[in-house]
Amino acid sequence: MKFARSLTTLAAASALALGAVTSPIASASDITPEQIRGEATPSTISELDVYGEIEEYLPKNDAGQPIPSREEYEASIGKNVKFEDVNINKIPDEKQWLGFILKYADYRQNVKALNATAPAMDRQVPLAVVTPDGTFDSSRPTLYLLNGAGGAEQGMDWLVSTAGQDLDPNKAGIQDLDDYYGDRNVNVVIPQAGAFSYYTDWITSPNRSYLKGPQKWETFLTKELPGPLEDHINANGKRGIAGMSMSATSSLVLAQHNPNFYDAIGSYSGCAATSTPLPNFYSQLTVNRGGGSTTQMWGPKGGDYNRYNDGLINATKNNMGNSQIYVSANSGLASATDMGSSKIDRLGSAQAFKSSSTLVIEGGVIEAAMNACTHDLRAKLNREGVDADFNFRETGTHSWPGWLDDINSSWPTFARAFDLPVEPVSGGTSDSALNAPADKDAATESEAEADAVENADVESDANAKADDADKQNTDKAKAEADPAAPADSLPVDSDTAPKVDPEATEQ
């Protein structure tokens, strides 16, 4: 397959693949967004109208008016109000994260919905930004957290998949994503688009299923977005990038292509390599599910551009040596969360057995492959003299329980890079804090009793979030996608795309 590329790009790709870059700069984050941008057109950042995006999917009163009204929604911001009637399962997959923001007080307060233009793709990309207090008044590090293959388009993004899940086993109560990062003085940016794209720059423009039009995700994420976004959120210049499954590869490669731009890199259950036969086949399985092929994406297997986007080849001291690095993989052996007995209450016996079988067999095979890839990466980094935190779990399949653990297990690595404490600090805005008295010493005994009731409500609220996530994913489980489908199988259209269990395999 012929494709055009400049001699300059070829030279840069060859140099990077060989690690033939000039001696590294003293520390990460010495490279600014303006230096990375080059001739790319910067993004324009705007607020996303959460209510307007999902208004048509809200329940209606007898007069046919949506519940809540826009006025009720806007009046609820900053208050501990939950809109019980909102059924997140009625909202299209790609907008379900917005449903959580509208329905729940802590999401509404702490998660900001933004739009960013992506000039190279002639489109807009929605962003979820998790903040500690709902404002950008304080200057904080920025963590770019990339979704896996299906992403927000299949309702499997970080926000939805962590709803009601406890990410911090060392803290009382349920610590889902906004609670967890709310205690850690960092802004977390989640691009809510890019399914099956590998967040890379494609050499062609596919036109099937989830992949339609130009796919210039590296250009967007590294050149167009960071400067305007970090200005908008008052960032302090420290930044990290992390991803899971498909985007575990992406987080490595984007950092390697831009040495010293990211202080920290997180890669959860991915395969760094992409250009050799078996890893390329893994990539093909993923991209094919979205309606594309690796040839459309990177050109011929093992070709110059494929090697340029190989996270194992480019894992050199020059490319990664100044960043803090966390890499994880499970063994592929079934854990307790993979067994049918852990799913019966949510899915019923028959579906629990099916889901468990998929996880144990397919998810186990995939994760065993990712484990082998990750051992290759460790060997390469050791040869290069690059320090990294590797987390090899003795059990676990290619599924969400491991990635939920990675949020907490990788935090010490990111905290070190961001010059932040490892232990959580107060200051996040949870449901119970929204209506807390300004002067706690002035709280009366009756107020203390009210707080106790409210704390119970918060626990109940977390359970309700988990129930919402379970309900929307029960239907997904009934038509589970086959992550190991043959490479030549035809993808389905996005409006009839197969759905998956919240613990189902993601690739």
Protein backbone atom coordinates (compact mmCIF):
# COMPACT_ATOMS: atom_id res chain seq x y z
CA MET A 1 0.00 0.00 0.00
CA LYS A 2 1.46 3.34 -1.05
CA PHE A 3 1.17 6.35 1.17
CA ALA A 4 2.77 9.76 1.19
CA ARG A 5 5.07 10.93 3.88
CA SER A 6 7.74 13.59 3.96
CA LEU A 7 11.45 12.79 4.16
CA THR A 8 11.57 14.79 7.35
CA THR A 9 8.97 12.59 8.99
CA LEU A 10 10.79 9.46 7.84
CA ALA A 11 14.05 10.71 9.26
CA ALA A 12 12.45 11.63 12.56
CA ALA A 13 10.70 8.25 12.76
CA SER A 14 13.94 6.37 12.12
CA ALA A 15 15.86 8.42 14.67
CA LEU A 16 13.21 7.97 17.31
CA ALA A 17 12.89 4.24 16.71
CA LEU A 18 16.61 3.90 17.19
CA GLY A 19 16.67 6.14 20.23
CA ALA A 20 18.98 8.44 18.29
CA VAL A 21 17.83 11.64 19.93
CA THR A 22 20.12 14.23 21.44
CA SER A 23 20.99 13.86 25.12
CA PRO A 24 17.96 14.20 27.37
CA ILE A 25 16.93 17.44 28.97
CA ALA A 26 17.38 17.69 32.71
CA SER A 27 13.87 16.84 33.73
CA ALA A 28 10.39 16.16 32.39
CA SER A 29 7.97 19.04 31.71
CA ASP A 30 10.84 21.17 30.40
CA ILE A 31 9.07 20.96 27.07
CA THR A 32 6.11 23.33 26.77
CA PRO A 33 2.90 22.83 24.78
CA GLU A 34 3.99 25.65 22.49
CA GLN A 35 7.19 23.78 21.61
CA ILE A 36 5.27 20.61 20.83
CA ARG A 37 2.57 22.39 18.84
CA GLY A 38 4.72 23.33 15.88
CA GLU A 39 2.49 24.42 12.99
CA ALA A 40 -0.66 22.72 14.36
CA THR A 41 -3.75 24.87 14.92
CA PRO A 42 -4.53 25.16 18.63
CA SER A 43 -7.85 23.88 19.97
CA THR A 44 -10.62 26.17 21.07
CA ILE A 45 -12.03 25.21 24.49
CA SER A 46 -15.66 25.83 25.44
CA GLU A 47 -18.14 24.67 28.06
CA LEU A 48 -20.36 21.75 27.09
CA ASP A 49 -24.07 22.20 27.80
CA VAL A 50 -24.72 19.09 29.90
CA TYR A 51 -28.45 19.65 30.14
CA GLY A 52 -28.88 20.39 26.45
CA GLU A 53 -26.95 17.28 25.44
CA ILE A 54 -29.29 14.88 27.23
CA GLU A 55 -32.53 16.86 27.61
CA GLU A 56 -34.40 14.72 25.08
CA TYR A 57 -33.61 11.55 27.05
CA LEU A 58 -34.95 12.83 30.38
CA PRO A 59 -38.27 11.60 31.81
CA LYS A 60 -41.32 13.78 31.19
CA ASN A 61 -44.06 15.05 33.50
CA ASP A 62 -47.76 14.99 32.66
CA ALA A 63 -47.35 18.16 30.64
CA GLY A 64 -44.61 16.59 28.58
CA GLN A 65 -41.87 18.72 30.14
CA PRO A 66 -38.50 17.17 31.04
CA ILE A 67 -37.71 16.22 34.64
CA PRO A 68 -35.77 18.05 35.95
CA SER A 69 -36.34 21.32 34.14
CA ARG A 70 -33.30 23.33 33.10
CA GLU A 71 -34.08 25.79 35.88
CA GLU A 72 -34.16 22.98 38.48
CA TYR A 73 -30.92 21.56 37.16
CA GLU A 74 -29.10 24.89 37.23
CA ALA A 75 -30.42 25.64 40.73
CA SER A 76 -29.07 22.27 41.94
CA ILE A 77 -25.43 23.07 41.16
CA GLY A 78 -23.50 23.24 44.40
CA LYS A 79 -26.33 21.61 46.33
CA ASN A 80 -26.77 18.04 47.51
CA VAL A 81 -29.62 17.19 45.16
CA LYS A 82 -30.06 13.90 43.34
CA PHE A 83 -32.53 13.60 40.47
CA GLU A 84 -33.94 10.16 41.23
CA ASP A 85 -36.13 9.97 38.12
CA VAL A 86 -33.24 10.21 35.67
CA ASN A 87 -32.61 6.78 34.15
CA ILE A 88 -29.07 6.68 32.84
CA ASN A 89 -29.86 3.48 30.96
CA LYS A 90 -32.17 5.51 28.71
CA ILE A 91 -29.34 7.77 27.58
CA PRO A 92 -27.24 6.74 24.55
CA ASP A 93 -23.94 5.10 25.43
CA GLU A 94 -21.74 7.98 24.30
CA LYS A 95 -23.62 10.44 26.54
CA GLN A 96 -24.09 8.33 29.67
CA TRP A 97 -21.20 10.06 31.43
CA LEU A 98 -23.18 13.28 31.08
CA GLY A 99 -26.14 11.53 32.72
CA PHE A 100 -24.04 10.88 35.82
CA ILE A 101 -23.07 14.57 35.93
CA LEU A 102 -26.69 15.65 35.71
CA LYS A 103 -28.08 13.09 38.16
CA TYR A 104 -25.56 13.08 41.02
CA ALA A 105 -24.50 16.04 43.13
CA ASP A 106 -20.82 15.20 43.47
CA TYR A 107 -20.36 14.58 39.74
CA ARG A 108 -22.32 17.74 38.98
CA GLN A 109 -20.04 19.70 41.28
CA ASN A 110 -16.66 18.20 40.51
CA VAL A 111 -16.77 16.98 36.89
CA LYS A 112 -16.65 19.69 34.28
CA ALA A 113 -17.83 18.94 30.74
CA LEU A 114 -15.87 20.77 28.04
CA ASN A 115 -15.66 20.77 24.26
CA ALA A 116 -12.37 21.03 22.41
CA THR A 117 -12.04 21.60 18.69
CA ALA A 118 -9.76 19.17 16.87
CA PRO A 119 -8.78 21.15 13.74
CA ALA A 120 -6.84 18.33 12.06
CA MET A 121 -9.95 16.11 12.30
CA ASP A 122 -12.50 18.90 11.67
CA ARG A 123 -14.54 17.85 14.68
CA GLN A 124 -15.19 18.58 18.33
CA VAL A 125 -14.06 16.27 21.11
CA PRO A 126 -15.94 16.27 24.43
CA LEU A 127 -13.79 16.23 27.57
CA ALA A 128 -14.62 15.23 31.11
CA VAL A 129 -12.40 17.10 33.58
CA VAL A 130 -12.42 15.77 37.15
CA THR A 131 -11.52 18.52 39.62
CA PRO A 132 -11.00 18.45 43.40
CA ASP A 133 -13.43 21.27 44.14
CA GLY A 134 -15.32 22.11 40.97
CA THR A 135 -13.14 25.11 40.14
CA PHE A 136 -9.94 25.93 38.33
CA ASP A 137 -8.96 28.55 40.90
CA SER A 138 -5.93 26.57 42.11
CA SER A 139 -3.07 25.69 39.79
CA ARG A 140 -2.69 21.90 39.61
CA PRO A 141 -0.99 19.14 37.59
CA THR A 142 -2.89 17.64 34.67
CA LEU A 143 -3.43 13.91 34.18
CA TYR A 144 -4.64 12.88 30.73
CA LEU A 145 -6.55 9.62 31.29
CA LEU A 146 -7.32 7.79 28.04
CA ASN A 147 -10.23 5.37 27.59
CA GLY A 148 -9.93 1.83 26.26
CA ALA A 149 -11.07 0.58 22.87
CA GLY A 150 -14.84 1.06 23.17
CA GLY A 151 -14.50 4.22 25.24
CA ALA A 152 -17.35 6.60 25.80
CA GLU A 153 -18.88 5.61 22.46
CA GLN A 154 -19.77 2.24 24.01
CA GLY A 155 -20.47 3.62 27.49
CA MET A 156 -17.26 2.07 28.83
CA ASP A 157 -15.28 5.20 29.72
CA TRP A 158 -13.52 5.85 33.00
CA LEU A 159 -16.37 7.86 34.51
CA VAL A 160 -19.13 5.37 33.77
CA SER A 161 -17.11 2.26 34.56
CA THR A 162 -15.94 3.54 37.95
CA ALA A 163 -19.36 4.80 39.12
CA GLY A 164 -20.07 3.48 42.59
CA GLN A 165 -16.80 1.53 42.63
CA ASP A 166 -14.40 1.86 45.57
CA LEU A 167 -11.01 2.91 44.22
CA ASP A 168 -9.36 3.61 47.58
CA PRO A 169 -9.43 0.57 49.85
CA ASN A 170 -7.69 2.53 52.59
CA LYS A 171 -10.40 5.15 53.02
CA ALA A 172 -13.86 4.63 54.50
CA GLY A 173 -16.86 4.87 52.21
CA ILE A 174 -17.08 4.53 48.45
CA GLN A 175 -14.36 6.41 46.58
CA ASP A 176 -15.30 6.49 42.93
CA LEU A 177 -13.32 8.49 40.40
CA ASP A 178 -14.36 12.00 41.37
CA ASP A 179 -13.95 11.23 45.09
CA TYR A 180 -10.57 9.59 44.56
CA TYR A 181 -8.96 12.39 42.59
CA GLY A 182 -10.87 15.00 44.61
CA ASP A 183 -8.51 14.14 47.47
CA ARG A 184 -5.36 14.41 45.34
CA ASN A 185 -5.11 17.97 44.05
CA VAL A 186 -4.91 17.07 40.37
CA ASN A 187 -7.13 17.78 37.37
CA VAL A 188 -7.94 14.63 35.40
CA VAL A 189 -8.80 15.11 31.71
CA ILE A 190 -10.67 12.27 29.95
CA PRO A 191 -11.21 12.65 26.18
CA GLN A 192 -14.67 11.18 25.58
CA ALA A 193 -14.13 10.12 21.97
CA GLY A 194 -11.61 8.12 19.95
CA ALA A 195 -13.00 4.58 20.14
CA PHE A 196 -10.82 1.93 18.41
CA SER A 197 -8.43 4.63 17.14
CA TYR A 198 -5.33 3.80 19.22
CA TYR A 199 -5.21 7.57 19.72
CA THR A 200 -2.74 7.70 16.85
CA ASP A 201 -2.46 9.61 13.57
CA TRP A 202 -3.81 7.39 10.79
CA ILE A 203 -2.31 7.53 7.32
CA THR A 204 -5.78 7.12 5.74
CA SER A 205 -9.29 8.23 6.62
CA PRO A 206 -11.51 5.20 7.28
CA ASN A 207 -15.24 5.39 6.75
CA ARG A 208 -16.94 2.53 8.60
CA SER A 209 -18.65 2.04 11.93
CA TYR A 210 -16.89 3.97 14.72
CA LEU A 211 -14.02 5.12 12.50
CA LYS A 212 -15.19 7.77 10.08
CA GLY A 213 -13.18 10.65 8.73
CA PRO A 214 -9.65 11.76 9.58
CA GLN A 215 -8.14 10.10 12.65
CA LYS A 216 -5.44 12.47 13.87
CA TRP A 217 -5.54 11.73 17.57
CA GLU A 218 -1.85 12.20 18.32
CA THR A 219 -1.98 15.61 16.69
CA PHE A 220 -5.01 16.50 18.78
CA LEU A 221 -3.78 15.14 22.13
CA THR A 222 -0.20 16.38 21.96
CA LYS A 223 -0.24 19.45 19.68
CA GLU A 224 -3.71 21.00 19.48
CA LEU A 225 -5.15 20.39 22.93
CA PRO A 226 -2.60 20.82 25.76
CA GLY A 227 -1.82 24.53 25.48
CA PRO A 228 -5.38 25.92 25.29
CA LEU A 229 -6.78 23.34 27.71
CA GLU A 230 -4.09 23.81 30.34
CA ASP A 231 -4.54 27.57 30.09
CA HIS A 232 -8.30 27.10 30.57
CA ILE A 233 -7.93 24.90 33.66
CA ASN A 234 -5.06 26.94 35.13
CA ALA A 235 -2.59 24.04 35.00
CA ASN A 236 0.79 24.30 36.69
CA GLY A 237 2.86 22.79 33.84
CA LYS A 238 3.23 19.30 35.29
CA ARG A 239 1.39 16.62 33.34
CA GLY A 240 0.99 12.88 33.01
CA ILE A 241 -0.71 10.46 30.65
CA ALA A 242 -2.21 7.04 31.35
CA GLY A 243 -4.38 4.51 29.58
CA MET A 244 -5.64 0.95 29.77
CA SER A 245 -5.81 -1.87 27.26
CA MET A 246 -5.68 -0.23 23.82
CA SER A 247 -4.70 3.15 25.23
CA ALA A 248 -2.01 1.59 27.45
CA THR A 249 -0.02 1.37 24.22
CA SER A 250 -1.04 4.90 23.29
CA SER A 251 0.13 6.42 26.57
CA LEU A 252 3.60 4.93 26.01
CA VAL A 253 3.88 5.97 22.36
CA LEU A 254 2.58 9.53 22.80
CA ALA A 255 5.09 10.07 25.59
CA GLN A 256 7.91 8.50 23.55
CA HIS A 257 7.17 10.75 20.59
CA ASN A 258 7.40 13.78 22.89
CA PRO A 259 10.28 13.18 25.33
CA ASN A 260 10.19 15.29 28.49
CA PHE A 261 6.64 16.47 27.83
CA TYR A 262 5.01 14.15 30.38
CA ASP A 263 6.29 13.89 33.94
CA ALA A 264 4.57 10.53 34.38
CA ILE A 265 3.34 7.68 32.18
CA GLY A 266 0.85 4.96 33.12
CA SER A 267 0.25 1.83 31.03
CA TYR A 268 -2.38 -0.59 32.35
CA SER A 269 -2.70 -4.06 30.72
CA GLY A 270 -1.41 -3.17 27.30
CA CYS A 271 1.04 -4.40 24.70
CA ALA A 272 3.83 -1.94 23.98
CA ALA A 273 4.84 -3.66 20.74
CA THR A 274 2.76 -3.19 17.59
CA SER A 275 5.00 -3.93 14.59
CA THR A 276 5.97 -7.59 15.00
CA PRO A 277 3.54 -10.28 13.80
CA LEU A 278 1.71 -11.29 16.97
CA PRO A 279 1.41 -7.82 18.58
CA ASN A 280 0.32 -6.42 15.23
CA PHE A 281 -2.37 -9.10 15.15
CA TYR A 282 -3.56 -8.00 18.60
CA SER A 283 -3.84 -4.44 17.31
CA GLN A 284 -5.70 -5.64 14.24
CA LEU A 285 -8.32 -7.39 16.38
CA THR A 286 -8.98 -4.16 18.22
CA VAL A 287 -9.07 -1.81 15.25
CA ASN A 288 -11.21 -4.21 13.23
CA ARG A 289 -13.94 -4.01 15.86
CA GLY A 290 -14.20 -0.29 15.09
CA GLY A 291 -14.34 -0.74 11.32
CA GLY A 292 -10.68 -0.26 10.37
CA SER A 293 -7.41 -2.08 9.91
CA THR A 294 -3.82 -1.60 11.05
CA THR A 295 -2.80 -1.08 7.42
CA GLN A 296 -5.18 1.86 7.19
CA MET A 297 -3.75 3.12 10.46
CA TRP A 298 0.02 2.55 10.26
CA GLY A 299 0.68 1.15 6.81
CA PRO A 300 2.37 -2.21 6.26
CA LYS A 301 3.16 -4.40 9.24
CA GLY A 302 6.76 -3.75 10.26
CA GLY A 303 7.02 -0.73 7.99
CA ASP A 304 8.64 2.56 8.98
CA TYR A 305 5.48 4.18 10.28
CA ASN A 306 4.37 1.03 12.11
CA ARG A 307 7.79 0.90 13.82
CA TYR A 308 7.51 4.59 14.63
CA ASN A 309 4.33 3.72 16.56
CA ASP A 310 5.79 0.68 18.33
CA GLY A 311 6.05 1.34 22.06
CA LEU A 312 8.65 -1.39 22.57
CA ILE A 313 11.06 -0.22 19.87
CA ASN A 314 10.81 3.35 21.12
CA ALA A 315 11.22 2.48 24.81
CA THR A 316 14.63 4.12 25.10
CA LYS A 317 16.37 6.14 27.77
CA ASN A 318 16.31 9.22 25.57
CA ASN A 319 12.56 8.89 25.01
CA MET A 320 11.42 7.91 28.51
CA GLY A 321 14.30 8.28 30.94
CA ASN A 322 13.14 11.51 32.56
CA SER A 323 9.55 10.40 33.25
CA GLN A 324 8.14 8.43 36.16
CA ILE A 325 6.63 5.23 34.74
CA TYR A 326 4.02 2.75 36.01
CA VAL A 327 3.19 -0.42 34.05
CA SER A 328 0.81 -3.22 35.05
CA ALA A 329 -0.46 -6.58 33.85
CA ASN A 330 -2.44 -9.44 35.32
CA SER A 331 -1.40 -13.04 34.82
CA GLY A 332 -4.50 -14.11 32.88
CA LEU A 333 -5.47 -16.63 35.57
CA ALA A 334 -9.03 -16.16 36.82
CA SER A 335 -9.47 -14.18 40.01
CA ALA A 336 -12.46 -14.12 42.36
CA THR A 337 -14.02 -11.24 40.40
CA ASP A 338 -13.94 -13.35 37.22
CA MET A 339 -16.05 -16.16 38.68
CA GLY A 340 -19.74 -16.52 37.96
CA SER A 341 -20.59 -16.52 41.67
CA SER A 342 -19.50 -12.87 41.88
CA LYS A 343 -21.98 -11.85 39.18
CA ILE A 344 -25.16 -13.80 39.94
CA ASP A 345 -26.82 -11.05 41.95
CA ARG A 346 -26.29 -8.53 39.16
CA LEU A 347 -26.73 -10.61 36.03
CA GLY A 348 -28.67 -13.74 37.01
CA SER A 349 -27.32 -17.28 36.88
CA ALA A 350 -27.36 -17.85 33.12
CA GLN A 351 -25.80 -14.54 32.17
CA ALA A 352 -23.34 -14.73 35.05
CA PHE A 353 -22.07 -18.06 33.71
CA LYS A 354 -21.74 -16.66 30.19
CA SER A 355 -19.95 -13.55 31.41
CA SER A 356 -17.61 -15.60 33.59
CA SER A 357 -16.82 -17.95 30.72
CA THR A 358 -15.91 -15.01 28.50
CA LEU A 359 -13.68 -13.50 31.16
CA VAL A 360 -11.96 -16.75 32.13
CA ILE A 361 -11.34 -17.97 28.58
CA GLU A 362 -11.11 -14.95 26.27
CA GLY A 363 -10.14 -12.38 28.88
CA GLY A 364 -7.59 -14.80 30.29
CA VAL A 365 -5.98 -15.41 26.92
CA ILE A 366 -5.83 -11.69 26.12
CA GLU A 367 -4.34 -10.79 29.47
CA ALA A 368 -1.77 -13.59 29.30
CA ALA A 369 -0.67 -12.06 25.99
CA MET A 370 -0.53 -8.58 27.56
CA ASN A 371 1.50 -10.05 30.41
CA ALA A 372 4.07 -11.43 27.96
CA CYS A 373 4.21 -8.05 26.19
CA THR A 374 4.74 -6.31 29.51
CA HIS A 375 7.61 -8.61 30.45
CA ASP A 376 9.21 -7.71 27.11
CA LEU A 377 8.84 -4.03 27.98
CA ARG A 378 10.42 -4.54 31.38
CA ALA A 379 13.39 -6.33 29.79
CA LYS A 380 13.82 -3.50 27.28
CA LEU A 381 13.67 -0.77 29.93
CA ASN A 382 16.12 -2.67 32.09
CA ARG A 383 18.57 -2.83 29.18
CA GLU A 384 18.09 0.88 28.59
CA GLY A 385 18.65 1.71 32.26
CA VAL A 386 15.17 3.22 32.63
CA ASP A 387 13.54 2.89 36.04
CA ALA A 388 9.84 1.97 36.13
CA ASP A 389 7.29 0.69 38.62
CA PHE A 390 6.00 -2.66 37.34
CA ASN A 391 2.94 -4.30 38.89
CA PHE A 392 2.51 -7.94 37.85
CA ARG A 393 -0.58 -9.38 39.57
CA GLU A 394 -0.71 -13.13 40.19
CA THR A 395 -4.32 -13.40 39.03
CA GLY A 396 -6.79 -11.44 36.92
CA THR A 397 -8.08 -11.29 33.37
CA HIS A 398 -8.32 -8.47 30.85
CA SER A 399 -11.12 -6.72 32.69
CA TRP A 400 -12.10 -3.77 34.85
CA PRO A 401 -11.17 -4.96 38.36
CA GLY A 402 -7.47 -4.73 37.50
CA TRP A 403 -7.81 -1.27 35.97
CA LEU A 404 -9.75 -0.03 38.98
CA ASP A 405 -6.85 -1.20 41.13
CA ASP A 406 -4.41 0.55 38.80
CA ILE A 407 -5.91 3.94 39.64
CA ASN A 408 -4.82 3.50 43.24
CA SER A 409 -1.69 1.44 42.64
CA SER A 410 -0.27 3.91 40.12
CA TRP A 411 -0.93 6.98 42.25
CA PRO A 412 2.42 6.88 44.14
CA THR A 413 4.18 7.04 40.77
CA PHE A 414 2.13 10.03 39.64
CA ALA A 415 2.35 11.72 43.04
CA ARG A 416 6.14 11.48 42.89
CA ALA A 417 6.17 13.02 39.42
CA PHE A 418 3.75 15.80 40.42
CA ASP A 419 5.47 16.60 43.74
CA LEU A 420 2.27 15.73 45.58
CA PRO A 421 1.75 13.68 48.74
CA VAL A 422 0.93 10.03 48.26
CA GLU A 423 -1.66 10.07 51.02
CA PRO A 424 -4.97 11.73 50.20
CA VAL A 425 -5.57 15.23 51.45
CA SER A 426 -8.88 16.80 52.39
CA GLY A 427 -10.35 19.36 50.11
CA GLY A 428 -12.35 17.28 47.69
CA THR A 429 -16.05 17.99 47.41
CA SER A 430 -18.14 14.91 48.15
CA ASP A 431 -21.92 14.79 48.42
CA SER A 432 -21.75 15.24 52.18
CA ALA A 433 -19.53 18.31 51.85
CA LEU A 434 -21.78 20.23 49.52
CA ASN A 435 -23.99 21.56 52.31
CA ALA A 436 -21.48 21.45 55.17
CA PRO A 437 -21.57 24.45 57.57
CA ALA A 438 -18.84 27.01 56.96
CA ASP A 439 -17.92 27.05 60.67
CA LYS A 440 -17.76 23.46 61.84
CA ASP A 441 -17.20 24.54 65.44
CA ALA A 442 -20.60 26.20 65.37
CA ALA A 443 -22.42 23.04 64.40
CA THR A 444 -25.08 22.11 66.94
CA GLU A 445 -25.84 18.60 68.18
CA SER A 446 -28.84 18.50 65.91
CA GLU A 447 -26.65 19.49 62.98
CA ALA A 448 -24.28 16.68 63.90
CA GLU A 449 -27.20 14.27 63.84
CA ALA A 450 -28.22 15.66 60.48
CA ASP A 451 -24.68 15.11 59.22
CA ALA A 452 -24.87 11.49 60.32
CA VAL A 453 -28.08 11.06 58.34
CA GLU A 454 -26.49 12.81 55.37
CA ASN A 455 -23.44 10.56 55.51
CA ALA A 456 -25.76 7.59 55.37
CA ASP A 457 -27.38 9.18 52.34
CA VAL A 458 -23.97 9.49 50.72
CA GLU A 459 -23.36 5.78 51.19
CA SER A 460 -26.78 5.09 49.72
CA ASP A 461 -25.98 7.44 46.86
CA ALA A 462 -22.82 5.49 46.06
CA ASN A 463 -24.86 2.30 45.99
CA ALA A 464 -27.35 3.97 43.66
CA LYS A 465 -24.52 4.98 41.31
CA ALA A 466 -23.30 1.40 41.28
CA ASP A 467 -26.84 0.23 40.58
CA ASP A 468 -27.12 2.70 37.69
CA ALA A 469 -23.87 1.43 36.23
CA ASP A 470 -24.97 -2.17 36.74
CA LYS A 471 -28.35 -1.62 35.10
CA GLN A 472 -26.87 -0.02 32.01
CA ASN A 473 -24.25 -2.77 31.74
CA THR A 474 -26.59 -5.68 32.32
CA ASP A 475 -27.99 -5.14 28.86
CA LYS A 476 -24.47 -4.87 27.55
CA ALA A 477 -23.63 -8.22 29.06
CA LYS A 478 -26.50 -9.88 27.22
CA ALA A 479 -24.84 -9.21 23.89
CA GLU A 480 -21.19 -9.34 24.86
CA ALA A 481 -18.71 -8.30 22.25
CA ASP A 482 -16.15 -10.86 21.23
CA PRO A 483 -12.79 -9.17 21.85
CA ALA A 484 -11.00 -12.02 20.15
CA ALA A 485 -13.11 -11.99 16.99
CA PRO A 486 -11.36 -13.07 13.81
CA ALA A 487 -9.45 -10.29 12.18
CA ASP A 488 -11.59 -10.47 9.05
CA SER A 489 -14.93 -10.33 10.86
CA LEU A 490 -17.11 -7.41 9.90
CA PRO A 491 -17.76 -4.76 12.54
CA VAL A 492 -21.31 -3.78 13.29
CA ASP A 493 -22.67 -0.29 12.92
CA SER A 494 -22.42 1.92 15.96
CA ASP A 495 -26.15 2.03 16.59
CA THR A 496 -26.26 -1.74 16.96
CA ALA A 497 -22.81 -2.27 18.43
CA PRO A 498 -22.50 -5.18 20.82
CA LYS A 499 -22.38 -4.25 24.48
CA VAL A 500 -20.29 -5.62 27.34
CA ASP A 501 -20.40 -6.28 31.06
CA PRO A 502 -18.60 -3.68 33.28
CA GLU A 503 -16.10 -6.39 34.10
CA ALA A 504 -15.96 -7.70 30.56
CA THR A 505 -12.84 -7.78 28.52
CA GLU A 506 -11.78 -4.56 26.82
CA GLN A 507 -9.13 -4.43 24.14
